[in-house]
Amino acid sequence: MSIRAQIEKLIVAGELFELNPLNHKDNRRRTVFMSGEINSLVSGPWANAEMAGRCYRLRAELEDFITAEQITVCWEPFGADKEQIGRLDPPEWDVWDLRSRDPSPGLRAFFRFACKDVGVFFTCSPRSLKVSWLDRLPLLHRESREWRKAIADCLAEWKALFPNHQSVNGSQISDYITGGVILR
């Protein structure tokens, strides 16, 4: 079974969800599939207005991943500045994060590419501040136990949903994502 067929099977089973941009005039360039955890964050219901506002912003940034003509990418781990997505260390594991920085608290959504321009988002962690509505500790510094756990959780989620498939493993950014990439 192809990975696309596996994704469709997981959607029917309610184990994956496709994010459809709220703007019906969107210009789709990429696709986002989400775990139940990410889907709950971006779809609600939310416990309070603070959570709703922050999760709605995360949704907007995921929609940007889908529709943006240009997307900034940090190709080299630990080299990030203001990029939207980045490849994490070690690069050969092909775990990426979407950096949702504003408004505070900063969040990181961890994902892998199922195929070119198709991200599967699994988990979300606060970057540096505890968030009452997330059951994950802040990631803090890049060598922390929490960073290692977040990457390991993403890999474990992939293996559970796609036991017979590898994520994209490329040597250049065009193996993962096309069009409008601003590589830093």
N, C-alpha and C. Protein backbone atom coordinates (compact mmCIF):
# COMPACT_ATOMS: atom_id res chain seq x y z
N MET A 1 0.84 -1.17 0.00
CA MET A 1 0.00 0.00 0.00
C MET A 1 0.89 1.24 0.00
N SER A 2 0.58 2.21 -0.83
CA SER A 2 1.35 3.45 -0.91
C SER A 2 1.12 4.28 0.35
N ILE A 3 2.01 5.23 0.58
CA ILE A 3 1.83 6.10 1.75
C ILE A 3 0.58 6.96 1.61
N ARG A 4 0.25 7.37 0.41
CA ARG A 4 -0.98 8.15 0.21
C ARG A 4 -2.22 7.30 0.54
N ALA A 5 -2.20 6.03 0.15
CA ALA A 5 -3.31 5.14 0.48
C ALA A 5 -3.39 4.93 1.99
N GLN A 6 -2.24 4.84 2.65
CA GLN A 6 -2.20 4.69 4.11
C GLN A 6 -2.77 5.93 4.78
N ILE A 7 -2.44 7.10 4.26
CA ILE A 7 -2.98 8.35 4.81
C ILE A 7 -4.50 8.36 4.69
N GLU A 8 -5.02 8.00 3.53
CA GLU A 8 -6.48 7.97 3.33
C GLU A 8 -7.14 6.99 4.30
N LYS A 9 -6.52 5.85 4.50
CA LYS A 9 -7.04 4.85 5.44
C LYS A 9 -7.07 5.42 6.86
N LEU A 10 -6.02 6.15 7.26
CA LEU A 10 -5.95 6.74 8.59
C LEU A 10 -6.97 7.86 8.77
N ILE A 11 -7.26 8.59 7.70
CA ILE A 11 -8.29 9.65 7.77
C ILE A 11 -9.65 9.01 7.99
N VAL A 12 -9.96 7.98 7.23
CA VAL A 12 -11.25 7.29 7.39
C VAL A 12 -11.38 6.73 8.81
N ALA A 13 -10.28 6.24 9.37
CA ALA A 13 -10.30 5.67 10.72
C ALA A 13 -10.31 6.74 11.82
N GLY A 14 -10.17 8.00 11.44
CA GLY A 14 -10.16 9.07 12.43
C GLY A 14 -8.85 9.21 13.18
N GLU A 15 -7.77 8.69 12.60
CA GLU A 15 -6.46 8.78 13.23
C GLU A 15 -5.61 9.91 12.67
N LEU A 16 -5.97 10.41 11.51
CA LEU A 16 -5.34 11.59 10.90
C LEU A 16 -6.44 12.51 10.40
N PHE A 17 -6.10 13.80 10.35
CA PHE A 17 -7.04 14.80 9.89
C PHE A 17 -6.33 15.72 8.91
N GLU A 18 -7.03 16.10 7.84
CA GLU A 18 -6.45 17.06 6.90
C GLU A 18 -6.87 18.46 7.32
N LEU A 19 -5.93 19.37 7.28
CA LEU A 19 -6.24 20.76 7.59
C LEU A 19 -6.66 21.46 6.31
N ASN A 20 -7.87 21.96 6.31
CA ASN A 20 -8.38 22.72 5.17
C ASN A 20 -8.42 24.18 5.56
N PRO A 21 -7.72 25.03 4.81
CA PRO A 21 -7.69 26.46 5.14
C PRO A 21 -9.09 27.06 5.22
N LEU A 22 -9.27 27.96 6.17
CA LEU A 22 -10.56 28.62 6.35
C LEU A 22 -10.88 29.57 5.19
N ASN A 23 -9.84 30.11 4.56
CA ASN A 23 -10.03 30.98 3.41
C ASN A 23 -10.31 30.10 2.19
N HIS A 24 -11.52 30.16 1.70
CA HIS A 24 -11.91 29.30 0.59
C HIS A 24 -11.25 29.70 -0.73
N LYS A 25 -10.59 30.84 -0.74
CA LYS A 25 -9.87 31.27 -1.95
C LYS A 25 -8.39 30.90 -1.85
N ASP A 26 -8.09 29.96 -0.97
CA ASP A 26 -6.68 29.63 -0.76
C ASP A 26 -6.04 29.10 -2.04
N ASN A 27 -4.76 29.27 -2.09
CA ASN A 27 -3.96 28.77 -3.20
C ASN A 27 -3.06 27.68 -2.65
N ARG A 28 -3.58 26.47 -2.63
CA ARG A 28 -2.84 25.36 -2.01
C ARG A 28 -1.53 25.07 -2.75
N ARG A 29 -0.47 25.02 -1.96
CA ARG A 29 0.84 24.65 -2.48
C ARG A 29 1.34 23.39 -1.79
N ARG A 30 0.86 23.18 -0.56
CA ARG A 30 1.30 22.06 0.25
C ARG A 30 0.08 21.48 0.97
N THR A 31 0.29 20.35 1.65
CA THR A 31 -0.79 19.69 2.37
C THR A 31 -0.33 19.44 3.81
N VAL A 32 -1.26 19.62 4.74
CA VAL A 32 -1.00 19.32 6.16
C VAL A 32 -1.99 18.27 6.61
N PHE A 33 -1.45 17.18 7.16
CA PHE A 33 -2.24 16.18 7.88
C PHE A 33 -1.82 16.28 9.33
N MET A 34 -2.77 16.02 10.24
CA MET A 34 -2.53 16.23 11.66
C MET A 34 -3.00 15.04 12.48
N SER A 35 -2.29 14.81 13.57
CA SER A 35 -2.74 13.85 14.59
C SER A 35 -3.96 14.43 15.29
N GLY A 36 -4.61 13.62 16.10
CA GLY A 36 -5.71 14.10 16.92
C GLY A 36 -5.28 15.22 17.85
N GLU A 37 -4.06 15.13 18.38
CA GLU A 37 -3.55 16.17 19.29
C GLU A 37 -3.51 17.53 18.60
N ILE A 38 -2.93 17.59 17.43
CA ILE A 38 -2.83 18.87 16.71
C ILE A 38 -4.22 19.32 16.26
N ASN A 39 -5.02 18.39 15.76
CA ASN A 39 -6.37 18.74 15.32
C ASN A 39 -7.18 19.36 16.46
N SER A 40 -7.10 18.81 17.65
CA SER A 40 -7.82 19.37 18.80
C SER A 40 -7.36 20.79 19.12
N LEU A 41 -6.04 21.01 19.02
CA LEU A 41 -5.52 22.34 19.31
C LEU A 41 -6.03 23.38 18.32
N VAL A 42 -6.06 23.03 17.04
CA VAL A 42 -6.41 24.05 16.03
C VAL A 42 -7.89 24.10 15.70
N SER A 43 -8.66 23.14 16.19
CA SER A 43 -10.10 23.09 15.88
C SER A 43 -10.99 23.36 17.08
N GLY A 44 -10.45 23.26 18.30
CA GLY A 44 -11.25 23.48 19.49
C GLY A 44 -12.13 22.28 19.79
N PRO A 45 -13.04 22.40 20.76
CA PRO A 45 -13.30 23.60 21.56
C PRO A 45 -12.15 23.89 22.52
N TRP A 46 -12.04 25.16 22.91
CA TRP A 46 -10.96 25.60 23.76
C TRP A 46 -11.49 25.92 25.15
N ALA A 47 -10.64 25.76 26.14
CA ALA A 47 -11.03 25.95 27.54
C ALA A 47 -11.28 27.41 27.89
N ASN A 48 -10.59 28.32 27.21
CA ASN A 48 -10.74 29.74 27.52
C ASN A 48 -10.30 30.58 26.33
N ALA A 49 -10.51 31.88 26.44
CA ALA A 49 -10.20 32.80 25.34
C ALA A 49 -8.71 32.86 25.04
N GLU A 50 -7.87 32.77 26.07
CA GLU A 50 -6.42 32.80 25.86
C GLU A 50 -5.99 31.59 25.01
N MET A 51 -6.47 30.42 25.38
CA MET A 51 -6.15 29.22 24.62
C MET A 51 -6.69 29.32 23.19
N ALA A 52 -7.90 29.80 23.05
CA ALA A 52 -8.51 29.93 21.72
C ALA A 52 -7.67 30.83 20.83
N GLY A 53 -7.27 31.99 21.35
CA GLY A 53 -6.47 32.92 20.56
C GLY A 53 -5.13 32.35 20.15
N ARG A 54 -4.48 31.67 21.10
CA ARG A 54 -3.15 31.12 20.80
C ARG A 54 -3.26 29.96 19.82
N CYS A 55 -4.23 29.10 19.99
CA CYS A 55 -4.40 27.94 19.09
C CYS A 55 -4.87 28.38 17.71
N TYR A 56 -5.65 29.44 17.66
CA TYR A 56 -6.08 29.96 16.36
C TYR A 56 -4.87 30.50 15.59
N ARG A 57 -3.93 31.11 16.29
CA ARG A 57 -2.70 31.60 15.64
C ARG A 57 -1.86 30.42 15.14
N LEU A 58 -1.79 29.35 15.91
CA LEU A 58 -1.09 28.14 15.45
C LEU A 58 -1.75 27.63 14.18
N ARG A 59 -3.07 27.61 14.15
CA ARG A 59 -3.79 27.19 12.94
C ARG A 59 -3.42 28.07 11.75
N ALA A 60 -3.38 29.38 11.98
CA ALA A 60 -3.04 30.31 10.89
C ALA A 60 -1.65 30.01 10.34
N GLU A 61 -0.72 29.65 11.21
CA GLU A 61 0.63 29.35 10.74
C GLU A 61 0.69 28.01 10.00
N LEU A 62 -0.11 27.06 10.43
CA LEU A 62 -0.22 25.81 9.66
C LEU A 62 -0.86 26.07 8.30
N GLU A 63 -1.86 26.94 8.26
CA GLU A 63 -2.47 27.30 6.98
C GLU A 63 -1.48 28.02 6.09
N ASP A 64 -0.62 28.83 6.69
CA ASP A 64 0.45 29.49 5.93
C ASP A 64 1.36 28.46 5.27
N PHE A 65 1.66 27.40 5.99
CA PHE A 65 2.48 26.32 5.43
C PHE A 65 1.82 25.79 4.15
N ILE A 66 0.50 25.71 4.16
CA ILE A 66 -0.25 25.18 3.02
C ILE A 66 -0.29 26.18 1.86
N THR A 67 -0.52 27.43 2.16
CA THR A 67 -0.87 28.39 1.10
C THR A 67 0.20 29.42 0.75
N ALA A 68 1.19 29.61 1.59
CA ALA A 68 2.16 30.69 1.36
C ALA A 68 2.95 30.49 0.07
N GLU A 69 3.07 31.58 -0.67
CA GLU A 69 3.90 31.53 -1.87
C GLU A 69 5.35 31.31 -1.48
N GLN A 70 5.76 31.93 -0.39
CA GLN A 70 7.12 31.76 0.10
C GLN A 70 7.08 31.25 1.53
N ILE A 71 8.02 30.37 1.83
CA ILE A 71 8.13 29.86 3.19
C ILE A 71 9.62 29.85 3.55
N THR A 72 9.92 30.32 4.74
CA THR A 72 11.33 30.36 5.16
C THR A 72 11.66 29.05 5.87
N VAL A 73 12.83 28.51 5.53
CA VAL A 73 13.25 27.20 6.01
C VAL A 73 14.66 27.27 6.58
N CYS A 74 14.84 26.72 7.77
CA CYS A 74 16.17 26.55 8.34
C CYS A 74 16.61 25.12 8.01
N TRP A 75 17.55 24.99 7.10
CA TRP A 75 18.02 23.68 6.64
C TRP A 75 19.02 23.07 7.62
N GLU A 76 19.87 23.90 8.20
CA GLU A 76 20.89 23.41 9.12
C GLU A 76 20.39 23.49 10.56
N PRO A 77 20.32 22.36 11.27
CA PRO A 77 19.89 22.41 12.68
C PRO A 77 20.72 23.40 13.47
N PHE A 78 20.08 24.06 14.39
CA PHE A 78 20.66 25.05 15.29
C PHE A 78 20.99 26.37 14.60
N GLY A 79 20.61 26.54 13.34
CA GLY A 79 20.92 27.77 12.64
C GLY A 79 19.73 28.70 12.50
N ALA A 80 18.65 28.42 13.20
CA ALA A 80 17.41 29.17 13.01
C ALA A 80 17.50 30.59 13.54
N ASP A 81 16.80 31.45 12.83
CA ASP A 81 16.61 32.82 13.28
C ASP A 81 15.10 33.06 13.33
N LYS A 82 14.51 33.45 12.23
CA LYS A 82 13.07 33.73 12.18
C LYS A 82 12.35 32.80 11.20
N GLU A 83 12.97 31.70 10.81
CA GLU A 83 12.36 30.81 9.82
C GLU A 83 11.07 30.19 10.34
N GLN A 84 10.18 29.86 9.40
CA GLN A 84 8.88 29.27 9.75
C GLN A 84 9.02 27.80 10.11
N ILE A 85 9.84 27.08 9.38
CA ILE A 85 10.06 25.66 9.68
C ILE A 85 11.55 25.38 9.70
N GLY A 86 11.92 24.29 10.37
CA GLY A 86 13.33 23.93 10.43
C GLY A 86 13.53 22.45 10.61
N ARG A 87 14.63 22.00 10.05
CA ARG A 87 15.04 20.61 10.20
C ARG A 87 15.78 20.50 11.53
N LEU A 88 15.47 19.45 12.29
CA LEU A 88 16.02 19.29 13.63
C LEU A 88 17.19 18.33 13.63
N ASP A 89 17.89 18.32 14.73
CA ASP A 89 19.07 17.48 14.91
C ASP A 89 18.68 16.15 15.55
N PRO A 90 19.17 15.03 15.06
CA PRO A 90 20.05 14.87 13.90
C PRO A 90 19.26 14.91 12.59
N PRO A 91 19.83 15.56 11.56
CA PRO A 91 19.10 15.75 10.30
C PRO A 91 18.67 14.44 9.63
N GLU A 92 19.43 13.40 9.82
CA GLU A 92 19.09 12.12 9.14
C GLU A 92 17.80 11.49 9.69
N TRP A 93 17.31 11.98 10.81
CA TRP A 93 16.04 11.47 11.34
C TRP A 93 14.84 12.15 10.68
N ASP A 94 15.08 13.23 9.97
CA ASP A 94 14.04 13.92 9.21
C ASP A 94 12.84 14.33 10.05
N VAL A 95 13.12 14.87 11.22
CA VAL A 95 12.08 15.48 12.05
C VAL A 95 12.22 16.99 11.91
N TRP A 96 11.10 17.64 11.71
CA TRP A 96 11.05 19.08 11.49
C TRP A 96 10.15 19.72 12.54
N ASP A 97 10.27 21.03 12.69
CA ASP A 97 9.31 21.74 13.52
C ASP A 97 8.83 23.00 12.81
N LEU A 98 7.57 23.31 13.08
CA LEU A 98 6.98 24.58 12.67
C LEU A 98 7.06 25.48 13.89
N ARG A 99 7.62 26.67 13.70
CA ARG A 99 7.88 27.58 14.82
C ARG A 99 6.77 28.62 14.88
N SER A 100 5.89 28.46 15.85
CA SER A 100 4.79 29.41 16.07
C SER A 100 5.22 30.30 17.23
N ARG A 101 5.69 31.49 16.90
CA ARG A 101 6.33 32.33 17.90
C ARG A 101 5.43 33.40 18.51
N ASP A 102 4.48 33.89 17.76
CA ASP A 102 3.76 35.08 18.19
C ASP A 102 2.27 34.84 18.14
N PRO A 103 1.50 35.16 19.14
CA PRO A 103 1.94 35.77 20.39
C PRO A 103 2.51 34.71 21.34
N SER A 104 3.13 35.20 22.40
CA SER A 104 3.69 34.31 23.40
C SER A 104 2.55 33.53 24.05
N PRO A 105 2.73 32.30 24.45
CA PRO A 105 3.98 31.56 24.47
C PRO A 105 4.30 30.96 23.10
N GLY A 106 5.58 30.83 22.83
CA GLY A 106 6.02 30.18 21.60
C GLY A 106 5.68 28.70 21.64
N LEU A 107 5.27 28.18 20.49
CA LEU A 107 4.94 26.75 20.36
C LEU A 107 5.75 26.15 19.22
N ARG A 108 6.03 24.86 19.33
CA ARG A 108 6.67 24.12 18.25
C ARG A 108 5.81 22.91 17.92
N ALA A 109 5.42 22.80 16.66
CA ALA A 109 4.67 21.64 16.17
C ALA A 109 5.64 20.75 15.40
N PHE A 110 5.76 19.50 15.83
CA PHE A 110 6.74 18.56 15.26
C PHE A 110 6.10 17.72 14.17
N PHE A 111 6.85 17.56 13.07
CA PHE A 111 6.30 16.85 11.92
C PHE A 111 7.38 16.18 11.09
N ARG A 112 6.91 15.37 10.15
CA ARG A 112 7.77 14.74 9.15
C ARG A 112 7.07 14.88 7.80
N PHE A 113 7.85 14.81 6.74
CA PHE A 113 7.29 14.87 5.39
C PHE A 113 6.96 13.47 4.91
N ALA A 114 5.69 13.23 4.56
CA ALA A 114 5.27 11.94 4.02
C ALA A 114 5.72 11.81 2.57
N CYS A 115 5.66 12.91 1.85
CA CYS A 115 6.18 13.02 0.49
C CYS A 115 6.39 14.51 0.24
N LYS A 116 6.88 14.85 -0.92
CA LYS A 116 7.17 16.24 -1.19
C LYS A 116 5.91 17.09 -0.99
N ASP A 117 6.06 18.16 -0.22
CA ASP A 117 4.98 19.11 0.05
C ASP A 117 3.84 18.57 0.90
N VAL A 118 4.05 17.45 1.59
CA VAL A 118 3.02 16.87 2.45
C VAL A 118 3.62 16.64 3.85
N GLY A 119 3.20 17.50 4.80
CA GLY A 119 3.67 17.37 6.17
C GLY A 119 2.64 16.67 7.03
N VAL A 120 3.12 15.77 7.90
CA VAL A 120 2.26 15.10 8.87
C VAL A 120 2.70 15.60 10.24
N PHE A 121 1.82 16.37 10.88
CA PHE A 121 2.12 17.02 12.16
C PHE A 121 1.57 16.17 13.29
N PHE A 122 2.43 15.90 14.28
CA PHE A 122 2.07 14.95 15.33
C PHE A 122 1.87 15.56 16.71
N THR A 123 2.82 16.37 17.17
CA THR A 123 2.79 16.86 18.54
C THR A 123 3.09 18.34 18.59
N CYS A 124 2.77 18.95 19.74
CA CYS A 124 3.03 20.37 19.95
C CYS A 124 3.57 20.56 21.36
N SER A 125 4.64 21.34 21.46
CA SER A 125 5.25 21.62 22.77
C SER A 125 5.45 23.12 22.93
N PRO A 126 5.35 23.60 24.17
CA PRO A 126 5.70 25.00 24.40
C PRO A 126 7.22 25.16 24.27
N ARG A 127 7.65 26.29 23.76
CA ARG A 127 9.08 26.50 23.54
C ARG A 127 9.82 26.79 24.84
N SER A 128 9.37 27.77 25.60
CA SER A 128 10.15 28.13 26.80
C SER A 128 9.31 28.43 28.04
N LEU A 129 8.00 28.53 27.89
CA LEU A 129 7.13 28.80 29.03
C LEU A 129 6.12 27.68 29.20
N LYS A 130 5.82 27.32 30.43
CA LYS A 130 4.79 26.31 30.72
C LYS A 130 3.44 26.83 30.24
N VAL A 131 2.70 25.95 29.58
CA VAL A 131 1.37 26.29 29.09
C VAL A 131 0.38 25.35 29.77
N SER A 132 -0.59 25.91 30.48
CA SER A 132 -1.50 25.10 31.28
C SER A 132 -2.33 24.13 30.45
N TRP A 133 -2.60 24.44 29.20
CA TRP A 133 -3.46 23.61 28.37
C TRP A 133 -2.69 22.65 27.47
N LEU A 134 -1.38 22.57 27.64
CA LEU A 134 -0.58 21.55 26.95
C LEU A 134 0.01 20.61 27.99
N ASP A 135 -0.05 19.32 27.72
CA ASP A 135 0.47 18.34 28.67
C ASP A 135 1.96 18.06 28.44
N ARG A 136 2.66 19.02 27.91
CA ARG A 136 4.09 18.85 27.65
C ARG A 136 4.87 19.96 28.34
N LEU A 137 6.06 19.61 28.80
CA LEU A 137 6.92 20.59 29.44
C LEU A 137 7.57 21.48 28.39
N PRO A 138 7.99 22.70 28.77
CA PRO A 138 8.70 23.55 27.83
C PRO A 138 9.99 22.88 27.33
N LEU A 139 10.33 23.14 26.08
CA LEU A 139 11.50 22.53 25.46
C LEU A 139 12.81 23.09 26.02
N LEU A 140 12.83 24.38 26.32
CA LEU A 140 14.01 25.07 26.86
C LEU A 140 15.20 24.98 25.91
N HIS A 141 16.39 24.68 26.42
CA HIS A 141 17.59 24.69 25.57
C HIS A 141 17.64 23.45 24.68
N ARG A 142 18.38 23.55 23.58
CA ARG A 142 18.34 22.53 22.53
C ARG A 142 18.90 21.17 22.92
N GLU A 143 19.63 21.06 24.00
CA GLU A 143 20.13 19.75 24.45
C GLU A 143 19.28 19.17 25.57
N SER A 144 18.14 19.77 25.84
CA SER A 144 17.33 19.35 26.98
C SER A 144 16.67 17.99 26.74
N ARG A 145 16.31 17.38 27.83
CA ARG A 145 15.57 16.11 27.79
C ARG A 145 14.24 16.30 27.07
N GLU A 146 13.63 17.46 27.25
CA GLU A 146 12.33 17.73 26.62
C GLU A 146 12.44 17.78 25.09
N TRP A 147 13.53 18.37 24.56
CA TRP A 147 13.74 18.37 23.10
C TRP A 147 13.89 16.94 22.60
N ARG A 148 14.72 16.16 23.29
CA ARG A 148 14.92 14.76 22.86
C ARG A 148 13.61 13.99 22.91
N LYS A 149 12.80 14.22 23.95
CA LYS A 149 11.51 13.54 24.06
C LYS A 149 10.57 13.98 22.95
N ALA A 150 10.53 15.25 22.64
CA ALA A 150 9.64 15.74 21.57
C ALA A 150 10.00 15.10 20.23
N ILE A 151 11.28 15.00 19.93
CA ILE A 151 11.72 14.36 18.69
C ILE A 151 11.39 12.87 18.72
N ALA A 152 11.65 12.22 19.85
CA ALA A 152 11.34 10.79 19.98
C ALA A 152 9.84 10.53 19.86
N ASP A 153 9.01 11.41 20.43
CA ASP A 153 7.56 11.26 20.32
C ASP A 153 7.11 11.36 18.87
N CYS A 154 7.68 12.29 18.12
CA CYS A 154 7.34 12.44 16.71
C CYS A 154 7.71 11.17 15.93
N LEU A 155 8.89 10.64 16.19
CA LEU A 155 9.32 9.41 15.52
C LEU A 155 8.42 8.23 15.89
N ALA A 156 8.04 8.14 17.16
CA ALA A 156 7.17 7.05 17.62
C ALA A 156 5.79 7.15 16.99
N GLU A 157 5.25 8.36 16.89
CA GLU A 157 3.94 8.56 16.25
C GLU A 157 4.01 8.14 14.78
N TRP A 158 5.09 8.51 14.12
CA TRP A 158 5.25 8.11 12.70
C TRP A 158 5.25 6.60 12.59
N LYS A 159 6.06 5.96 13.42
CA LYS A 159 6.18 4.49 13.35
C LYS A 159 4.84 3.81 13.63
N ALA A 160 4.06 4.36 14.56
CA ALA A 160 2.76 3.77 14.88
C ALA A 160 1.78 3.89 13.72
N LEU A 161 1.80 5.01 13.00
CA LEU A 161 0.85 5.22 11.90
C LEU A 161 1.36 4.71 10.56
N PHE A 162 2.67 4.73 10.38
CA PHE A 162 3.27 4.36 9.09
C PHE A 162 4.37 3.30 9.28
N PRO A 163 4.03 2.14 9.83
CA PRO A 163 5.08 1.16 10.14
C PRO A 163 5.82 0.64 8.91
N ASN A 164 5.20 0.73 7.75
CA ASN A 164 5.82 0.21 6.54
C ASN A 164 6.33 1.29 5.59
N HIS A 165 6.43 2.52 6.09
CA HIS A 165 6.84 3.63 5.23
C HIS A 165 7.88 4.50 5.92
N GLN A 166 8.81 4.96 5.13
CA GLN A 166 9.80 5.93 5.60
C GLN A 166 9.30 7.33 5.26
N SER A 167 9.71 8.29 6.05
CA SER A 167 9.43 9.68 5.69
C SER A 167 10.40 10.07 4.58
N VAL A 168 10.19 11.23 4.01
CA VAL A 168 11.12 11.73 3.00
C VAL A 168 12.50 11.85 3.64
N ASN A 169 13.51 11.41 2.93
CA ASN A 169 14.89 11.51 3.40
C ASN A 169 15.71 12.04 2.24
N GLY A 170 15.89 13.35 2.22
CA GLY A 170 16.54 13.97 1.08
C GLY A 170 17.85 14.64 1.42
N SER A 171 18.56 15.02 0.38
CA SER A 171 19.85 15.68 0.55
C SER A 171 19.78 17.17 0.23
N GLN A 172 18.62 17.62 -0.26
CA GLN A 172 18.44 19.04 -0.53
C GLN A 172 17.00 19.43 -0.27
N ILE A 173 16.78 20.69 -0.06
CA ILE A 173 15.45 21.16 0.34
C ILE A 173 14.40 20.83 -0.70
N SER A 174 14.75 20.81 -1.97
CA SER A 174 13.76 20.52 -3.01
C SER A 174 13.27 19.07 -2.95
N ASP A 175 13.91 18.21 -2.18
CA ASP A 175 13.40 16.85 -1.96
C ASP A 175 12.17 16.88 -1.04
N TYR A 176 12.03 17.94 -0.26
CA TYR A 176 10.98 18.04 0.75
C TYR A 176 9.86 19.01 0.36
N ILE A 177 10.24 20.11 -0.19
CA ILE A 177 9.28 21.20 -0.38
C ILE A 177 9.63 21.96 -1.65
N THR A 178 8.61 22.38 -2.37
CA THR A 178 8.85 23.07 -3.63
C THR A 178 8.30 24.49 -3.61
N GLY A 179 8.76 25.25 -4.55
CA GLY A 179 8.25 26.58 -4.79
C GLY A 179 8.42 27.54 -3.63
N GLY A 180 8.85 28.72 -3.90
CA GLY A 180 8.87 29.80 -2.94
C GLY A 180 9.60 29.54 -1.67
N VAL A 181 10.64 28.74 -1.69
CA VAL A 181 11.39 28.44 -0.47
C VAL A 181 12.48 29.48 -0.30
N ILE A 182 12.54 30.06 0.88
CA ILE A 182 13.63 30.94 1.23
C ILE A 182 14.49 30.19 2.23
N LEU A 183 15.61 29.72 1.77
CA LEU A 183 16.49 28.89 2.58
C LEU A 183 17.48 29.77 3.33
N ARG A 184 17.58 29.56 4.63
CA ARG A 184 18.52 30.31 5.44
C ARG A 184 19.42 29.38 6.19
